Amino acid sequence: MFYLVSYDIPDTKRRTKLAKVLEDFGDRVQFSVFECILDDKLLDKLVKRIDKIVKVADDSVRIYTVCANCERCIRIIGQGVVSKIEEIYIV
């Protein structure tokens, strides 16, 4: 399944830590946005790792599921392409 993960974390240390975790699961497409292709097991792993980093009172992480039909409608204006690597990332 295709996921879009975005975050807003004011603390530099936590933000850097989260970005490094997300790099294990997907491709950075904007400074705080990643595209990830994950099965259910990898999604659960990702969420558990995010939970260990995020301070619920201060931080925001959003994980959007992008269905195949919606994925076809993604428009990119300027640089970039939609992630298409369908291999499973080993974490």
PDB file of N, CA and C in Angstrom:
ATOM      1  N   MET A   1       0.849  -1.179   0.000  1.00  0.00           N
ATOM      2  CA  MET A   1       0.000   0.000   0.000  1.00  0.00           C
ATOM      3  C   MET A   1       0.893   1.240   0.000  1.00  0.00           C
ATOM      4  N   PHE A   2       0.433   2.292  -0.604  1.00  0.00           N
ATOM      5  CA  PHE A   2       1.163   3.547  -0.727  1.00  0.00           C
ATOM      6  C   PHE A   2       0.718   4.486   0.397  1.00  0.00           C
ATOM      7  N   TYR A   3       1.687   5.059   1.134  1.00  0.00           N
ATOM      8  CA  TYR A   3       1.391   5.962   2.246  1.00  0.00           C
ATOM      9  C   TYR A   3       2.161   7.257   2.069  1.00  0.00           C
ATOM     10  N   LEU A   4       1.556   8.343   2.491  1.00  0.00           N
ATOM     11  CA  LEU A   4       2.199   9.636   2.555  1.00  0.00           C
ATOM     12  C   LEU A   4       2.318   9.983   4.035  1.00  0.00           C
ATOM     13  N   VAL A   5       3.540  10.246   4.494  1.00  0.00           N
ATOM     14  CA  VAL A   5       3.779  10.557   5.906  1.00  0.00           C
ATOM     15  C   VAL A   5       4.315  11.979   5.985  1.00  0.00           C
ATOM     16  N   SER A   6       3.652  12.811   6.791  1.00  0.00           N
ATOM     17  CA  SER A   6       4.118  14.183   6.986  1.00  0.00           C
ATOM     18  C   SER A   6       4.252  14.439   8.483  1.00  0.00           C
ATOM     19  N   TYR A   7       5.116  15.379   8.810  1.00  0.00           N
ATOM     20  CA  TYR A   7       5.298  15.665  10.231  1.00  0.00           C
ATOM     21  C   TYR A   7       5.625  17.133  10.455  1.00  0.00           C
ATOM     22  N   ASP A   8       5.295  17.583  11.670  1.00  0.00           N
ATOM     23  CA  ASP A   8       5.644  18.916  12.141  1.00  0.00           C
ATOM     24  C   ASP A   8       6.128  18.735  13.568  1.00  0.00           C
ATOM     25  N   ILE A   9       7.440  18.816  13.748  1.00  0.00           N
ATOM     26  CA  ILE A   9       8.052  18.585  15.051  1.00  0.00           C
ATOM     27  C   ILE A   9       8.983  19.765  15.350  1.00  0.00           C
ATOM     28  N   PRO A  10       8.668  20.558  16.387  1.00  0.00           N
ATOM     29  CA  PRO A  10       9.475  21.743  16.677  1.00  0.00           C
ATOM     30  C   PRO A  10      10.878  21.458  17.230  1.00  0.00           C
ATOM     31  N   ASP A  11      11.064  20.329  17.867  1.00  0.00           N
ATOM     32  CA  ASP A  11      12.348  19.991  18.470  1.00  0.00           C
ATOM     33  C   ASP A  11      13.285  19.368  17.427  1.00  0.00           C
ATOM     34  N   THR A  12      14.446  19.977  17.221  1.00  0.00           N
ATOM     35  CA  THR A  12      15.380  19.535  16.181  1.00  0.00           C
ATOM     36  C   THR A  12      15.848  18.099  16.386  1.00  0.00           C
ATOM     37  N   LYS A  13      16.148  17.724  17.617  1.00  0.00           N
ATOM     38  CA  LYS A  13      16.644  16.368  17.892  1.00  0.00           C
ATOM     39  C   LYS A  13      15.593  15.308  17.541  1.00  0.00           C
ATOM     40  N   ARG A  14      14.348  15.525  17.974  1.00  0.00           N
ATOM     41  CA  ARG A  14      13.273  14.564  17.661  1.00  0.00           C
ATOM     42  C   ARG A  14      12.975  14.565  16.167  1.00  0.00           C
ATOM     43  N   ARG A  15      12.984  15.751  15.560  1.00  0.00           N
ATOM     44  CA  ARG A  15      12.699  15.863  14.119  1.00  0.00           C
ATOM     45  C   ARG A  15      13.742  15.099  13.298  1.00  0.00           C
ATOM     46  N   THR A  16      15.004  15.235  13.662  1.00  0.00           N
ATOM     47  CA  THR A  16      16.078  14.525  12.961  1.00  0.00           C
ATOM     48  C   THR A  16      15.960  13.024  13.157  1.00  0.00           C
ATOM     49  N   LYS A  17      15.643  12.630  14.382  1.00  0.00           N
ATOM     50  CA  LYS A  17      15.486  11.206  14.694  1.00  0.00           C
ATOM     51  C   LYS A  17      14.343  10.598  13.867  1.00  0.00           C
ATOM     52  N   LEU A  18      13.227  11.312  13.795  1.00  0.00           N
ATOM     53  CA  LEU A  18      12.082  10.822  13.024  1.00  0.00           C
ATOM     54  C   LEU A  18      12.422  10.734  11.541  1.00  0.00           C
ATOM     55  N   ALA A  19      13.099  11.740  11.008  1.00  0.00           N
ATOM     56  CA  ALA A  19      13.470  11.724   9.588  1.00  0.00           C
ATOM     57  C   ALA A  19      14.339  10.506   9.280  1.00  0.00           C
ATOM     58  N   LYS A  20      15.271  10.176  10.177  1.00  0.00           N
ATOM     59  CA  LYS A  20      16.126   9.009   9.964  1.00  0.00           C
ATOM     60  C   LYS A  20      15.319   7.722   9.973  1.00  0.00           C
ATOM     61  N   VAL A  21      14.337   7.632  10.852  1.00  0.00           N
ATOM     62  CA  VAL A  21      13.454   6.459  10.872  1.00  0.00           C
ATOM     63  C   VAL A  21      12.685   6.367   9.564  1.00  0.00           C
ATOM     64  N   LEU A  22      12.110   7.468   9.131  1.00  0.00           N
ATOM     65  CA  LEU A  22      11.316   7.456   7.897  1.00  0.00           C
ATOM     66  C   LEU A  22      12.156   7.107   6.673  1.00  0.00           C
ATOM     67  N   GLU A  23      13.428   7.477   6.687  1.00  0.00           N
ATOM     68  CA  GLU A  23      14.313   7.104   5.573  1.00  0.00           C
ATOM     69  C   GLU A  23      14.473   5.594   5.458  1.00  0.00           C
ATOM     70  N   ASP A  24      14.263   4.869   6.560  1.00  0.00           N
ATOM     71  CA  ASP A  24      14.313   3.403   6.532  1.00  0.00           C
ATOM     72  C   ASP A  24      13.085   2.798   5.854  1.00  0.00           C
ATOM     73  N   PHE A  25      12.025   3.591   5.725  1.00  0.00           N
ATOM     74  CA  PHE A  25      10.762   3.062   5.227  1.00  0.00           C
ATOM     75  C   PHE A  25      10.307   3.636   3.891  1.00  0.00           C
ATOM     76  N   GLY A  26      10.878   4.755   3.472  1.00  0.00           N
ATOM     77  CA  GLY A  26      10.378   5.370   2.249  1.00  0.00           C
ATOM     78  C   GLY A  26      11.326   6.411   1.699  1.00  0.00           C
ATOM     79  N   ASP A  27      10.792   7.232   0.787  1.00  0.00           N
ATOM     80  CA  ASP A  27      11.570   8.250   0.092  1.00  0.00           C
ATOM     81  C   ASP A  27      11.115   9.639   0.518  1.00  0.00           C
ATOM     82  N   ARG A  28      12.071  10.486   0.870  1.00  0.00           N
ATOM     83  CA  ARG A  28      11.748  11.874   1.203  1.00  0.00           C
ATOM     84  C   ARG A  28      11.421  12.609  -0.087  1.00  0.00           C
ATOM     85  N   VAL A  29      10.242  13.266  -0.121  1.00  0.00           N
ATOM     86  CA  VAL A  29       9.839  14.011  -1.314  1.00  0.00           C
ATOM     87  C   VAL A  29       9.728  15.506  -1.031  1.00  0.00           C
ATOM     88  N   GLN A  30       9.656  15.876   0.210  1.00  0.00           N
ATOM     89  CA  GLN A  30       9.702  17.258   0.677  1.00  0.00           C
ATOM     90  C   GLN A  30      10.440  17.219   2.012  1.00  0.00           C
ATOM     91  N   PHE A  31      10.750  18.390   2.561  1.00  0.00           N
ATOM     92  CA  PHE A  31      11.532  18.408   3.792  1.00  0.00           C
ATOM     93  C   PHE A  31      10.899  17.550   4.890  1.00  0.00           C
ATOM     94  N   SER A  32       9.596  17.638   5.070  1.00  0.00           N
ATOM     95  CA  SER A  32       8.944  16.864   6.130  1.00  0.00           C
ATOM     96  C   SER A  32       7.838  15.957   5.593  1.00  0.00           C
ATOM     97  N   VAL A  33       8.042  15.439   4.378  1.00  0.00           N
ATOM     98  CA  VAL A  33       7.064  14.551   3.749  1.00  0.00           C
ATOM     99  C   VAL A  33       7.785  13.365   3.107  1.00  0.00           C
ATOM    100  N   PHE A  34       7.278  12.173   3.395  1.00  0.00           N
ATOM    101  CA  PHE A  34       7.840  10.945   2.833  1.00  0.00           C
ATOM    102  C   PHE A  34       6.751  10.154   2.128  1.00  0.00           C
ATOM    103  N   GLU A  35       7.132   9.485   1.038  1.00  0.00           N
ATOM    104  CA  GLU A  35       6.269   8.512   0.370  1.00  0.00           C
ATOM    105  C   GLU A  35       6.803   7.128   0.726  1.00  0.00           C
ATOM    106  N   CYS A  36       5.892   6.257   1.170  1.00  0.00           N
ATOM    107  CA  CYS A  36       6.302   4.920   1.613  1.00  0.00           C
ATOM    108  C   CYS A  36       5.395   3.876   0.988  1.00  0.00           C
ATOM    109  N   ILE A  37       5.993   2.797   0.536  1.00  0.00           N
ATOM    110  CA  ILE A  37       5.229   1.647   0.057  1.00  0.00           C
ATOM    111  C   ILE A  37       5.455   0.546   1.081  1.00  0.00           C
ATOM    112  N   LEU A  38       4.392   0.213   1.828  1.00  0.00           N
ATOM    113  CA  LEU A  38       4.507  -0.688   2.973  1.00  0.00           C
ATOM    114  C   LEU A  38       3.397  -1.722   2.986  1.00  0.00           C
ATOM    115  N   ASP A  39       3.730  -2.913   3.479  1.00  0.00           N
ATOM    116  CA  ASP A  39       2.671  -3.863   3.780  1.00  0.00           C
ATOM    117  C   ASP A  39       2.220  -3.590   5.223  1.00  0.00           C
ATOM    118  N   ASP A  40       1.218  -4.330   5.705  1.00  0.00           N
ATOM    119  CA  ASP A  40       0.664  -4.093   7.043  1.00  0.00           C
ATOM    120  C   ASP A  40       1.706  -4.256   8.143  1.00  0.00           C
ATOM    121  N   LYS A  41       2.568  -5.236   7.982  1.00  0.00           N
ATOM    122  CA  LYS A  41       3.590  -5.520   8.990  1.00  0.00           C
ATOM    123  C   LYS A  41       4.589  -4.356   9.100  1.00  0.00           C
ATOM    124  N   LEU A  42       5.024  -3.845   7.958  1.00  0.00           N
ATOM    125  CA  LEU A  42       5.958  -2.713   7.973  1.00  0.00           C
ATOM    126  C   LEU A  42       5.297  -1.438   8.474  1.00  0.00           C
ATOM    127  N   LEU A  43       4.024  -1.252   8.148  1.00  0.00           N
ATOM    128  CA  LEU A  43       3.307  -0.083   8.662  1.00  0.00           C
ATOM    129  C   LEU A  43       3.257  -0.133  10.186  1.00  0.00           C
ATOM    130  N   ASP A  44       2.959  -1.295  10.745  1.00  0.00           N
ATOM    131  CA  ASP A  44       2.933  -1.446  12.210  1.00  0.00           C
ATOM    132  C   ASP A  44       4.298  -1.144  12.820  1.00  0.00           C
ATOM    133  N   LYS A  45       5.368  -1.626  12.182  1.00  0.00           N
ATOM    134  CA  LYS A  45       6.731  -1.345  12.656  1.00  0.00           C
ATOM    135  C   LYS A  45       7.011   0.152  12.644  1.00  0.00           C
ATOM    136  N   LEU A  46       6.625   0.792  11.550  1.00  0.00           N
ATOM    137  CA  LEU A  46       6.842   2.226  11.420  1.00  0.00           C
ATOM    138  C   LEU A  46       6.116   2.985  12.522  1.00  0.00           C
ATOM    139  N   VAL A  47       4.865   2.668  12.745  1.00  0.00           N
ATOM    140  CA  VAL A  47       4.065   3.357  13.762  1.00  0.00           C
ATOM    141  C   VAL A  47       4.677   3.165  15.154  1.00  0.00           C
ATOM    142  N   LYS A  48       5.142   1.970  15.462  1.00  0.00           N
ATOM    143  CA  LYS A  48       5.777   1.726  16.757  1.00  0.00           C
ATOM    144  C   LYS A  48       7.030   2.566  16.935  1.00  0.00           C
ATOM    145  N   ARG A  49       7.822   2.688  15.877  1.00  0.00           N
ATOM    146  CA  ARG A  49       9.043   3.490  15.955  1.00  0.00           C
ATOM    147  C   ARG A  49       8.712   4.981  16.071  1.00  0.00           C
ATOM    148  N   ILE A  50       7.673   5.412  15.380  1.00  0.00           N
ATOM    149  CA  ILE A  50       7.239   6.809  15.492  1.00  0.00           C
ATOM    150  C   ILE A  50       6.778   7.090  16.914  1.00  0.00           C
ATOM    151  N   ASP A  51       5.995   6.184  17.489  1.00  0.00           N
ATOM    152  CA  ASP A  51       5.477   6.355  18.854  1.00  0.00           C
ATOM    153  C   ASP A  51       6.583   6.538  19.882  1.00  0.00           C
ATOM    154  N   LYS A  52       7.733   5.925  19.647  1.00  0.00           N
ATOM    155  CA  LYS A  52       8.858   6.042  20.584  1.00  0.00           C
ATOM    156  C   LYS A  52       9.539   7.412  20.521  1.00  0.00           C
ATOM    157  N   ILE A  53       9.326   8.143  19.447  1.00  0.00           N
ATOM    158  CA  ILE A  53      10.007   9.422  19.239  1.00  0.00           C
ATOM    159  C   ILE A  53       9.113  10.614  19.557  1.00  0.00           C
ATOM    160  N   VAL A  54       7.872  10.546  19.127  1.00  0.00           N
ATOM    161  CA  VAL A  54       6.970  11.694  19.158  1.00  0.00           C
ATOM    162  C   VAL A  54       6.492  12.026  20.574  1.00  0.00           C
ATOM    163  N   LYS A  55       6.465  13.330  20.862  1.00  0.00           N
ATOM    164  CA  LYS A  55       5.830  13.848  22.073  1.00  0.00           C
ATOM    165  C   LYS A  55       4.435  14.288  21.658  1.00  0.00           C
ATOM    166  N   VAL A  56       3.438  13.596  22.126  1.00  0.00           N
ATOM    167  CA  VAL A  56       2.055  13.827  21.684  1.00  0.00           C
ATOM    168  C   VAL A  56       1.602  15.266  21.933  1.00  0.00           C
ATOM    169  N   ALA A  57       2.045  15.869  23.020  1.00  0.00           N
ATOM    170  CA  ALA A  57       1.627  17.234  23.342  1.00  0.00           C
ATOM    171  C   ALA A  57       2.238  18.293  22.424  1.00  0.00           C
ATOM    172  N   ASP A  58       3.374  17.970  21.792  1.00  0.00           N
ATOM    173  CA  ASP A  58       4.095  18.973  20.999  1.00  0.00           C
ATOM    174  C   ASP A  58       4.161  18.698  19.507  1.00  0.00           C
ATOM    175  N   ASP A  59       4.108  17.446  19.117  1.00  0.00           N
ATOM    176  CA  ASP A  59       4.409  17.041  17.744  1.00  0.00           C
ATOM    177  C   ASP A  59       3.163  16.590  16.985  1.00  0.00           C
ATOM    178  N   SER A  60       3.302  16.578  15.662  1.00  0.00           N
ATOM    179  CA  SER A  60       2.228  16.088  14.804  1.00  0.00           C
ATOM    180  C   SER A  60       2.828  15.226  13.688  1.00  0.00           C
ATOM    181  N   VAL A  61       2.350  14.001  13.588  1.00  0.00           N
ATOM    182  CA  VAL A  61       2.729  13.114  12.485  1.00  0.00           C
ATOM    183  C   VAL A  61       1.432  12.619  11.858  1.00  0.00           C
ATOM    184  N   ARG A  62       1.345  12.698  10.554  1.00  0.00           N
ATOM    185  CA  ARG A  62       0.150  12.238   9.835  1.00  0.00           C
ATOM    186  C   ARG A  62       0.559  11.181   8.818  1.00  0.00           C
ATOM    187  N   ILE A  63      -0.206  10.105   8.800  1.00  0.00           N
ATOM    188  CA  ILE A  63       0.028   9.035   7.834  1.00  0.00           C
ATOM    189  C   ILE A  63      -1.246   8.911   6.996  1.00  0.00           C
ATOM    190  N   TYR A  64      -1.116   9.208   5.717  1.00  0.00           N
ATOM    191  CA  TYR A  64      -2.254   9.148   4.804  1.00  0.00           C
ATOM    192  C   TYR A  64      -2.116   7.915   3.916  1.00  0.00           C
ATOM    193  N   THR A  65      -3.182   7.149   3.825  1.00  0.00           N
ATOM    194  CA  THR A  65      -3.233   6.034   2.890  1.00  0.00           C
ATOM    195  C   THR A  65      -3.648   6.592   1.529  1.00  0.00           C
ATOM    196  N   VAL A  66      -2.901   6.235   0.511  1.00  0.00           N
ATOM    197  CA  VAL A  66      -3.218   6.692  -0.842  1.00  0.00           C
ATOM    198  C   VAL A  66      -3.602   5.456  -1.654  1.00  0.00           C
ATOM    199  N   CYS A  67      -4.870   5.363  -2.008  1.00  0.00           N
ATOM    200  CA  CYS A  67      -5.335   4.202  -2.761  1.00  0.00           C
ATOM    201  C   CYS A  67      -4.789   4.259  -4.195  1.00  0.00           C
ATOM    202  N   ALA A  68      -4.842   3.149  -4.877  1.00  0.00           N
ATOM    203  CA  ALA A  68      -4.306   3.060  -6.236  1.00  0.00           C
ATOM    204  C   ALA A  68      -4.991   4.055  -7.169  1.00  0.00           C
ATOM    205  N   ASN A  69      -6.296   4.226  -7.005  1.00  0.00           N
ATOM    206  CA  ASN A  69      -7.027   5.162  -7.845  1.00  0.00           C
ATOM    207  C   ASN A  69      -6.579   6.594  -7.565  1.00  0.00           C
ATOM    208  N   CYS A  70      -6.413   6.936  -6.279  1.00  0.00           N
ATOM    209  CA  CYS A  70      -5.957   8.283  -5.913  1.00  0.00           C
ATOM    210  C   CYS A  70      -4.520   8.514  -6.358  1.00  0.00           C
ATOM    211  N   GLU A  71      -3.704   7.480  -6.275  1.00  0.00           N
ATOM    212  CA  GLU A  71      -2.300   7.597  -6.682  1.00  0.00           C
ATOM    213  C   GLU A  71      -2.187   8.024  -8.144  1.00  0.00           C
ATOM    214  N   ARG A  72      -3.081   7.535  -8.977  1.00  0.00           N
ATOM    215  CA  ARG A  72      -3.070   7.891 -10.397  1.00  0.00           C
ATOM    216  C   ARG A  72      -3.367   9.373 -10.615  1.00  0.00           C
ATOM    217  N   CYS A  73      -4.008  10.000  -9.619  1.00  0.00           N
ATOM    218  CA  CYS A  73      -4.406  11.405  -9.743  1.00  0.00           C
ATOM    219  C   CYS A  73      -3.396  12.381  -9.144  1.00  0.00           C
ATOM    220  N   ILE A  74      -2.286  11.899  -8.617  1.00  0.00           N
ATOM    221  CA  ILE A  74      -1.279  12.775  -8.023  1.00  0.00           C
ATOM    222  C   ILE A  74      -0.687  13.656  -9.115  1.00  0.00           C
ATOM    223  N   ARG A  75      -0.607  14.931  -8.835  1.00  0.00           N
ATOM    224  CA  ARG A  75      -0.011  15.887  -9.767  1.00  0.00           C
ATOM    225  C   ARG A  75       1.234  16.470  -9.125  1.00  0.00           C
ATOM    226  N   ILE A  76       2.303  16.504  -9.865  1.00  0.00           N
ATOM    227  CA  ILE A  76       3.538  17.120  -9.393  1.00  0.00           C
ATOM    228  C   ILE A  76       3.821  18.309 -10.297  1.00  0.00           C
ATOM    229  N   ILE A  77       3.974  19.448  -9.673  1.00  0.00           N
ATOM    230  CA  ILE A  77       4.302  20.660 -10.407  1.00  0.00           C
ATOM    231  C   ILE A  77       5.732  21.024 -10.017  1.00  0.00           C
ATOM    232  N   GLY A  78       6.625  21.010 -10.965  1.00  0.00           N
ATOM    233  CA  GLY A  78       8.030  21.259 -10.658  1.00  0.00           C
ATOM    234  C   GLY A  78       8.794  19.957 -10.573  1.00  0.00           C
ATOM    235  N   GLN A  79       9.793  19.912  -9.716  1.00  0.00           N
ATOM    236  CA  GLN A  79      10.691  18.772  -9.587  1.00  0.00           C
ATOM    237  C   GLN A  79      10.034  17.582  -8.893  1.00  0.00           C
ATOM    238  N   GLY A  80      10.464  16.364  -9.253  1.00  0.00           N
ATOM    239  CA  GLY A  80      10.067  15.174  -8.521  1.00  0.00           C
ATOM    240  C   GLY A  80       9.207  14.213  -9.299  1.00  0.00           C
ATOM    241  N   VAL A  81       9.166  13.006  -8.776  1.00  0.00           N
ATOM    242  CA  VAL A  81       8.308  11.946  -9.304  1.00  0.00           C
ATOM    243  C   VAL A  81       7.695  11.207  -8.127  1.00  0.00           C
ATOM    244  N   VAL A  82       6.591  10.544  -8.356  1.00  0.00           N
ATOM    245  CA  VAL A  82       5.951   9.738  -7.321  1.00  0.00           C
ATOM    246  C   VAL A  82       6.778   8.471  -7.116  1.00  0.00           C
ATOM    247  N   SER A  83       6.989   8.088  -5.864  1.00  0.00           N
ATOM    248  CA  SER A  83       7.756   6.876  -5.562  1.00  0.00           C
ATOM    249  C   SER A  83       7.093   5.670  -6.189  1.00  0.00           C
ATOM    250  N   LYS A  84       7.880   4.849  -6.853  1.00  0.00           N
ATOM    251  CA  LYS A  84       7.347   3.654  -7.501  1.00  0.00           C
ATOM    252  C   LYS A  84       8.110   2.403  -7.112  1.00  0.00           C
ATOM    253  N   ILE A  85       9.078   2.511  -6.238  1.00  0.00           N
ATOM    254  CA  ILE A  85       9.854   1.354  -5.827  1.00  0.00           C
ATOM    255  C   ILE A  85       8.951   0.461  -4.974  1.00  0.00           C
ATOM    256  N   GLU A  86       8.626  -0.701  -5.480  1.00  0.00           N
ATOM    257  CA  GLU A  86       7.682  -1.557  -4.785  1.00  0.00           C
ATOM    258  C   GLU A  86       8.346  -2.670  -4.013  1.00  0.00           C
ATOM    259  N   GLU A  87       9.654  -2.582  -3.816  1.00  0.00           N
ATOM    260  CA  GLU A  87      10.327  -3.563  -2.989  1.00  0.00           C
ATOM    261  C   GLU A  87      10.012  -3.277  -1.521  1.00  0.00           C
ATOM    262  N   ILE A  88      10.104  -4.267  -0.709  1.00  0.00           N
ATOM    263  CA  ILE A  88       9.877  -4.098   0.719  1.00  0.00           C
ATOM    264  C   ILE A  88      11.169  -3.635   1.348  1.00  0.00           C
ATOM    265  N   TYR A  89      11.108  -2.576   2.130  1.00  0.00           N
ATOM    266  CA  TYR A  89      12.284  -2.070   2.819  1.00  0.00           C
ATOM    267  C   TYR A  89      12.563  -2.931   4.045  1.00  0.00           C
ATOM    268  N   ILE A  90      13.798  -3.314   4.225  1.00  0.00           N
ATOM    269  CA  ILE A  90      14.194  -4.095   5.388  1.00  0.00           C
ATOM    270  C   ILE A  90      14.703  -3.146   6.441  1.00  0.00           C
ATOM    271  N   VAL A  91      14.106  -3.237   7.631  1.00  0.00           N
ATOM    272  CA  VAL A  91      14.451  -2.326   8.704  1.00  0.00           C
ATOM    273  C   VAL A  91      15.197  -3.063   9.799  1.00  0.00           C
TER     274      VAL A  91
END
